[in-house]
Amino acid sequence: MYVKTHKTKKGGTLVAVCDEDILGKKLEEGRKYLDLTGDFYNGEKKNPKETADLMRNADLINLVGEQAIKIAADEELISPDAVKRIDGVPIFQSMTEGS
């Protein structure tokens, strides 16, 4: 999977994770749209352990794909109820950064 770390406006860390098989695609379902062709998710290729470590230390996480969601759920970083789907692909996006 691909992982990219971003700095937030508040100085925190946002980790964006995208499964390898969907990076570069555009997901569309009704009014929902997610473009995975840009730089936001296109970071370094990481294994599951490295990805989990980065997720645990992030202030915010944005996840796209079955593997990314599974790692976060296994680490108890997200609730399965918070996972949405676009075009059948699971996604999770943190909406606020803690203080």
N, C-alpha and C. Protein backbone atom coordinates (compact mmCIF):
# COMPACT_ATOMS: atom_id res chain seq x y z
N MET A 1 0.83 -1.17 0.00
CA MET A 1 0.00 0.00 0.00
C MET A 1 0.88 1.24 0.00
N TYR A 2 0.27 2.36 -0.36
CA TYR A 2 1.02 3.62 -0.44
C TYR A 2 0.62 4.53 0.71
N VAL A 3 1.63 5.15 1.31
CA VAL A 3 1.43 6.01 2.47
C VAL A 3 2.13 7.34 2.23
N LYS A 4 1.40 8.42 2.51
CA LYS A 4 1.99 9.74 2.40
C LYS A 4 1.66 10.54 3.65
N THR A 5 2.67 11.17 4.22
CA THR A 5 2.49 11.97 5.42
C THR A 5 2.42 13.44 5.04
N HIS A 6 1.44 14.14 5.62
CA HIS A 6 1.24 15.56 5.38
C HIS A 6 1.26 16.30 6.72
N LYS A 7 1.69 17.54 6.71
CA LYS A 7 1.60 18.40 7.89
C LYS A 7 0.28 19.17 7.80
N THR A 8 -0.42 19.29 8.92
CA THR A 8 -1.68 20.02 8.95
C THR A 8 -1.43 21.49 9.27
N LYS A 9 -2.46 22.29 9.11
CA LYS A 9 -2.35 23.72 9.42
C LYS A 9 -2.06 23.96 10.89
N LYS A 10 -2.49 23.02 11.75
CA LYS A 10 -2.25 23.14 13.18
C LYS A 10 -0.92 22.53 13.60
N GLY A 11 -0.12 22.08 12.63
CA GLY A 11 1.19 21.51 12.93
C GLY A 11 1.18 20.03 13.24
N GLY A 12 0.04 19.39 13.06
CA GLY A 12 -0.06 17.96 13.30
C GLY A 12 0.34 17.16 12.07
N THR A 13 0.12 15.86 12.17
CA THR A 13 0.46 14.96 11.09
C THR A 13 -0.79 14.24 10.59
N LEU A 14 -0.99 14.28 9.29
CA LEU A 14 -2.05 13.53 8.63
C LEU A 14 -1.39 12.45 7.80
N VAL A 15 -1.81 11.21 8.00
CA VAL A 15 -1.28 10.09 7.23
C VAL A 15 -2.36 9.62 6.27
N ALA A 16 -2.05 9.65 4.98
CA ALA A 16 -2.97 9.20 3.93
C ALA A 16 -2.50 7.84 3.43
N VAL A 17 -3.41 6.86 3.43
CA VAL A 17 -3.06 5.50 3.04
C VAL A 17 -4.03 5.03 1.96
N CYS A 18 -3.47 4.45 0.90
CA CYS A 18 -4.28 3.95 -0.21
C CYS A 18 -3.75 2.58 -0.64
N ASP A 19 -4.67 1.63 -0.79
CA ASP A 19 -4.28 0.31 -1.29
C ASP A 19 -3.67 0.44 -2.69
N GLU A 20 -2.68 -0.37 -2.95
CA GLU A 20 -1.95 -0.30 -4.22
C GLU A 20 -2.85 -0.51 -5.44
N ASP A 21 -3.83 -1.41 -5.33
CA ASP A 21 -4.64 -1.75 -6.50
C ASP A 21 -5.64 -0.67 -6.91
N ILE A 22 -5.84 0.33 -6.07
CA ILE A 22 -6.79 1.40 -6.44
C ILE A 22 -6.13 2.77 -6.59
N LEU A 23 -4.87 2.89 -6.23
CA LEU A 23 -4.17 4.16 -6.44
C LEU A 23 -4.18 4.50 -7.92
N GLY A 24 -4.51 5.73 -8.24
CA GLY A 24 -4.56 6.16 -9.64
C GLY A 24 -5.95 6.08 -10.25
N LYS A 25 -6.92 5.63 -9.47
CA LYS A 25 -8.29 5.54 -9.98
C LYS A 25 -9.15 6.69 -9.49
N LYS A 26 -10.30 6.83 -10.11
CA LYS A 26 -11.32 7.79 -9.67
C LYS A 26 -12.54 6.99 -9.25
N LEU A 27 -12.97 7.21 -8.01
CA LEU A 27 -14.14 6.51 -7.48
C LEU A 27 -15.34 7.44 -7.57
N GLU A 28 -16.44 6.91 -8.07
CA GLU A 28 -17.63 7.73 -8.27
C GLU A 28 -18.87 6.90 -7.94
N GLU A 29 -19.77 7.50 -7.18
CA GLU A 29 -21.04 6.85 -6.85
C GLU A 29 -22.05 7.94 -6.52
N GLY A 30 -22.97 8.16 -7.43
CA GLY A 30 -23.94 9.24 -7.23
C GLY A 30 -23.22 10.57 -7.13
N ARG A 31 -23.46 11.28 -6.03
CA ARG A 31 -22.81 12.58 -5.81
C ARG A 31 -21.46 12.47 -5.12
N LYS A 32 -21.07 11.26 -4.73
CA LYS A 32 -19.78 11.04 -4.06
C LYS A 32 -18.69 10.80 -5.10
N TYR A 33 -17.53 11.42 -4.87
CA TYR A 33 -16.42 11.33 -5.82
C TYR A 33 -15.11 11.41 -5.05
N LEU A 34 -14.18 10.54 -5.37
CA LEU A 34 -12.86 10.59 -4.76
C LEU A 34 -11.82 10.31 -5.84
N ASP A 35 -10.93 11.27 -6.05
CA ASP A 35 -9.91 11.19 -7.08
C ASP A 35 -8.60 10.71 -6.45
N LEU A 36 -8.15 9.54 -6.84
CA LEU A 36 -6.92 8.96 -6.32
C LEU A 36 -5.77 9.07 -7.31
N THR A 37 -5.89 9.99 -8.28
CA THR A 37 -4.86 10.14 -9.30
C THR A 37 -3.82 11.19 -8.93
N GLY A 38 -4.11 12.04 -7.97
CA GLY A 38 -3.18 13.11 -7.61
C GLY A 38 -2.12 12.67 -6.61
N ASP A 39 -1.47 13.65 -6.02
CA ASP A 39 -0.35 13.40 -5.11
C ASP A 39 -0.76 13.10 -3.68
N PHE A 40 -2.00 13.38 -3.28
CA PHE A 40 -2.38 13.28 -1.88
C PHE A 40 -2.10 11.90 -1.29
N TYR A 41 -2.46 10.84 -1.98
CA TYR A 41 -2.24 9.48 -1.49
C TYR A 41 -0.99 8.83 -2.08
N ASN A 42 -0.38 9.43 -3.08
CA ASN A 42 0.73 8.82 -3.81
C ASN A 42 2.05 9.09 -3.09
N GLY A 43 2.30 8.28 -2.07
CA GLY A 43 3.52 8.42 -1.28
C GLY A 43 4.46 7.26 -1.49
N GLU A 44 4.99 6.75 -0.39
CA GLU A 44 5.94 5.64 -0.44
C GLU A 44 5.22 4.32 -0.22
N LYS A 45 5.71 3.30 -0.87
CA LYS A 45 5.16 1.96 -0.68
C LYS A 45 5.63 1.45 0.69
N LYS A 46 4.67 0.98 1.50
CA LYS A 46 4.98 0.50 2.86
C LYS A 46 4.33 -0.85 3.09
N ASN A 47 4.92 -1.61 4.01
CA ASN A 47 4.32 -2.88 4.40
C ASN A 47 3.30 -2.61 5.52
N PRO A 48 2.48 -3.61 5.87
CA PRO A 48 1.45 -3.38 6.88
C PRO A 48 1.99 -2.92 8.24
N LYS A 49 3.12 -3.45 8.69
CA LYS A 49 3.67 -3.05 9.98
C LYS A 49 4.09 -1.58 9.97
N GLU A 50 4.79 -1.18 8.91
CA GLU A 50 5.21 0.23 8.79
C GLU A 50 3.99 1.14 8.73
N THR A 51 2.98 0.72 8.00
CA THR A 51 1.76 1.51 7.85
C THR A 51 1.07 1.66 9.19
N ALA A 52 0.95 0.58 9.94
CA ALA A 52 0.30 0.62 11.26
C ALA A 52 1.05 1.57 12.20
N ASP A 53 2.38 1.52 12.19
CA ASP A 53 3.17 2.41 13.04
C ASP A 53 2.90 3.87 12.71
N LEU A 54 2.86 4.20 11.42
CA LEU A 54 2.59 5.58 11.01
C LEU A 54 1.17 6.00 11.39
N MET A 55 0.20 5.12 11.23
CA MET A 55 -1.18 5.43 11.60
C MET A 55 -1.30 5.72 13.10
N ARG A 56 -0.66 4.88 13.92
CA ARG A 56 -0.75 5.05 15.38
C ARG A 56 -0.19 6.38 15.83
N ASN A 57 0.80 6.89 15.14
CA ASN A 57 1.46 8.13 15.54
C ASN A 57 0.90 9.38 14.86
N ALA A 58 -0.12 9.21 14.04
CA ALA A 58 -0.70 10.35 13.32
C ALA A 58 -1.77 11.05 14.15
N ASP A 59 -1.96 12.32 13.86
CA ASP A 59 -3.07 13.08 14.45
C ASP A 59 -4.36 12.83 13.68
N LEU A 60 -4.23 12.66 12.38
CA LEU A 60 -5.36 12.40 11.49
C LEU A 60 -4.97 11.29 10.52
N ILE A 61 -5.97 10.48 10.11
CA ILE A 61 -5.72 9.47 9.09
C ILE A 61 -6.82 9.50 8.04
N ASN A 62 -6.41 9.34 6.81
CA ASN A 62 -7.34 9.19 5.68
C ASN A 62 -6.98 7.89 5.00
N LEU A 63 -7.97 7.01 4.85
CA LEU A 63 -7.71 5.65 4.38
C LEU A 63 -8.62 5.31 3.22
N VAL A 64 -8.06 4.63 2.23
CA VAL A 64 -8.85 4.16 1.09
C VAL A 64 -8.43 2.74 0.77
N GLY A 65 -9.40 1.82 0.79
CA GLY A 65 -9.13 0.45 0.40
C GLY A 65 -9.28 -0.55 1.54
N GLU A 66 -9.51 -1.79 1.17
CA GLU A 66 -9.75 -2.87 2.14
C GLU A 66 -8.56 -3.08 3.08
N GLN A 67 -7.35 -3.11 2.54
CA GLN A 67 -6.16 -3.36 3.38
C GLN A 67 -5.93 -2.22 4.36
N ALA A 68 -6.03 -0.99 3.89
CA ALA A 68 -5.82 0.17 4.76
C ALA A 68 -6.83 0.17 5.91
N ILE A 69 -8.08 -0.09 5.59
CA ILE A 69 -9.14 -0.11 6.60
C ILE A 69 -8.89 -1.24 7.59
N LYS A 70 -8.50 -2.42 7.09
CA LYS A 70 -8.27 -3.57 7.97
C LYS A 70 -7.15 -3.29 8.97
N ILE A 71 -6.08 -2.69 8.51
CA ILE A 71 -4.97 -2.37 9.42
C ILE A 71 -5.45 -1.44 10.52
N ALA A 72 -6.15 -0.38 10.17
CA ALA A 72 -6.62 0.58 11.15
C ALA A 72 -7.62 -0.05 12.12
N ALA A 73 -8.50 -0.91 11.62
CA ALA A 73 -9.48 -1.58 12.47
C ALA A 73 -8.78 -2.57 13.41
N ASP A 74 -7.81 -3.32 12.89
CA ASP A 74 -7.06 -4.26 13.72
C ASP A 74 -6.30 -3.54 14.83
N GLU A 75 -5.85 -2.32 14.56
CA GLU A 75 -5.13 -1.51 15.55
C GLU A 75 -6.09 -0.75 16.46
N GLU A 76 -7.39 -0.92 16.23
CA GLU A 76 -8.45 -0.23 16.98
C GLU A 76 -8.33 1.30 16.88
N LEU A 77 -7.93 1.77 15.71
CA LEU A 77 -7.80 3.21 15.46
C LEU A 77 -9.09 3.80 14.90
N ILE A 78 -9.92 2.96 14.31
CA ILE A 78 -11.19 3.42 13.75
C ILE A 78 -12.30 2.46 14.14
N SER A 79 -13.50 2.99 14.14
CA SER A 79 -14.69 2.17 14.37
C SER A 79 -15.23 1.72 13.01
N PRO A 80 -15.60 0.48 12.88
CA PRO A 80 -16.18 0.02 11.60
C PRO A 80 -17.40 0.86 11.19
N ASP A 81 -18.11 1.42 12.16
CA ASP A 81 -19.27 2.26 11.87
C ASP A 81 -18.90 3.55 11.14
N ALA A 82 -17.65 3.97 11.27
CA ALA A 82 -17.21 5.22 10.65
C ALA A 82 -16.74 5.04 9.21
N VAL A 83 -16.67 3.81 8.75
CA VAL A 83 -16.20 3.53 7.39
C VAL A 83 -17.35 3.74 6.41
N LYS A 84 -17.09 4.50 5.38
CA LYS A 84 -18.05 4.74 4.29
C LYS A 84 -17.57 3.98 3.06
N ARG A 85 -18.38 3.97 2.04
CA ARG A 85 -17.99 3.34 0.76
C ARG A 85 -18.33 4.27 -0.39
N ILE A 86 -17.43 4.26 -1.37
CA ILE A 86 -17.67 4.94 -2.64
C ILE A 86 -17.36 3.92 -3.71
N ASP A 87 -18.33 3.66 -4.55
CA ASP A 87 -18.16 2.69 -5.65
C ASP A 87 -17.69 1.33 -5.11
N GLY A 88 -18.17 0.97 -3.92
CA GLY A 88 -17.82 -0.30 -3.31
C GLY A 88 -16.51 -0.33 -2.56
N VAL A 89 -15.73 0.75 -2.61
CA VAL A 89 -14.42 0.81 -1.96
C VAL A 89 -14.57 1.47 -0.59
N PRO A 90 -14.08 0.82 0.49
CA PRO A 90 -14.19 1.43 1.81
C PRO A 90 -13.23 2.61 1.98
N ILE A 91 -13.74 3.66 2.64
CA ILE A 91 -12.92 4.84 2.92
C ILE A 91 -13.16 5.30 4.35
N PHE A 92 -12.17 5.94 4.91
CA PHE A 92 -12.29 6.58 6.22
C PHE A 92 -11.51 7.87 6.13
N GLN A 93 -12.13 8.96 6.59
CA GLN A 93 -11.44 10.25 6.61
C GLN A 93 -11.67 10.92 7.94
N SER A 94 -10.58 11.23 8.65
CA SER A 94 -10.67 12.01 9.87
C SER A 94 -11.19 13.38 9.51
N MET A 95 -12.08 13.89 10.33
CA MET A 95 -12.69 15.19 10.01
C MET A 95 -12.14 16.33 10.86
N THR A 96 -11.65 16.05 12.04
CA THR A 96 -11.13 17.12 12.89
C THR A 96 -9.83 16.68 13.53
N GLU A 97 -9.02 17.66 13.85
CA GLU A 97 -7.76 17.40 14.50
C GLU A 97 -7.88 17.78 15.96
N GLY A 98 -7.45 16.89 16.83
CA GLY A 98 -7.50 17.17 18.26
C GLY A 98 -6.55 18.30 18.65
N SER A 99 -6.75 18.82 19.84
CA SER A 99 -5.90 19.94 20.29
C SER A 99 -4.63 19.46 20.93
